[in-house]
Protein backbone atom coordinates (compact mmCIF):
# COMPACT_ATOMS: atom_id res chain seq x y z
CA UNK A 1 -8.54 -15.96 -22.49
CA UNK A 2 -11.20 -16.43 -25.58
CA UNK A 3 -10.25 -18.25 -28.47
CA UNK A 4 -11.43 -15.44 -30.94
CA UNK A 5 -8.60 -13.30 -28.98
CA UNK A 6 -6.22 -16.06 -28.70
CA UNK A 7 -6.54 -16.22 -32.31
CA UNK A 8 -6.71 -12.56 -33.57
CA UNK A 9 -3.06 -12.73 -31.07
CA UNK A 10 -1.40 -15.15 -32.93
CA UNK A 11 -2.29 -13.32 -36.41
CA UNK A 12 -0.90 -10.14 -35.92
CA UNK A 13 2.04 -11.80 -34.00
CA UNK A 14 2.63 -14.03 -36.94
CA UNK A 15 2.78 -10.90 -39.20
CA UNK A 16 5.73 -9.02 -37.33
CA UNK A 17 9.41 -10.09 -38.10
CA UNK A 18 11.44 -12.17 -36.03
CA UNK A 19 12.69 -9.16 -33.75
CA UNK A 20 9.51 -7.64 -33.59
CA UNK A 21 8.10 -10.88 -32.02
CA UNK A 22 10.88 -11.01 -29.72
CA UNK A 23 10.09 -7.39 -28.79
CA UNK A 24 6.58 -8.47 -27.79
CA UNK A 25 7.23 -11.62 -25.89
CA UNK A 26 9.59 -9.42 -23.81
CA UNK A 27 6.98 -6.70 -23.44
CA UNK A 28 4.70 -9.59 -22.14
CA UNK A 29 7.12 -10.95 -19.54
CA UNK A 30 7.43 -7.53 -18.29
CA UNK A 31 3.76 -7.18 -18.01
CA UNK A 32 4.13 -10.64 -15.93
CA UNK A 33 7.03 -9.32 -13.97
CA UNK A 34 5.63 -5.68 -12.87
CA UNK A 35 2.49 -7.85 -11.66
CA UNK A 36 4.09 -9.87 -9.50
CA UNK A 37 6.11 -6.37 -7.74
CA UNK A 38 2.80 -5.10 -6.91
CA UNK A 39 2.51 -1.92 -4.15
CA UNK A 40 2.08 -4.68 -2.32
CA UNK A 41 5.54 -5.58 -1.84
CA UNK A 42 5.41 -2.10 -0.36
CA UNK A 43 3.12 -2.93 2.61
CA UNK A 44 4.73 -2.44 6.51
CA UNK A 45 7.47 -0.83 5.40
CA UNK A 46 7.01 2.38 6.27
CA UNK A 47 7.07 2.67 10.07
CA UNK A 48 4.22 3.65 12.21
CA UNK A 49 5.91 6.54 13.77
CA UNK A 50 6.31 8.09 10.05
CA UNK A 51 2.48 6.80 9.04
CA UNK A 52 1.51 9.32 12.17
CA UNK A 53 3.22 11.80 10.73
CA UNK A 54 2.02 11.13 7.25
CA UNK A 55 -1.71 11.21 8.47
CA UNK A 56 -1.40 14.77 10.75
CA UNK A 57 0.65 16.46 7.63
CA UNK A 58 -2.57 15.24 5.24
CA UNK A 59 -5.37 16.14 8.24
CA UNK A 60 -3.80 19.28 8.90
CA UNK A 61 -3.20 20.23 4.90
CA UNK A 62 -6.51 19.00 3.72
CA UNK A 63 -9.62 21.35 3.41
CA UNK A 64 -7.36 24.80 3.35
CA UNK A 65 -7.78 26.81 0.42
CA UNK A 66 -5.08 29.04 -0.65
CA UNK A 67 -6.75 31.28 -2.76
CA UNK A 68 -3.42 32.56 -4.23
CA UNK A 69 -2.48 29.17 -5.59
CA UNK A 70 -2.35 28.54 -9.26
């Protein structure tokens, strides 16, 4: 992270009251926690049988045009 970016963040943070600073900190922490809870945590959770069914449904349904829709 560049020094200018850090400086700008700190300057803006210092303009906030303590309550808003705490909210900013909580928000930053939530971003970090969400990054650790990425979609990769779900890898391997769907059974092979279900994946095959999903794949078949997509293959059978994609490319079909339903002219009366929308």
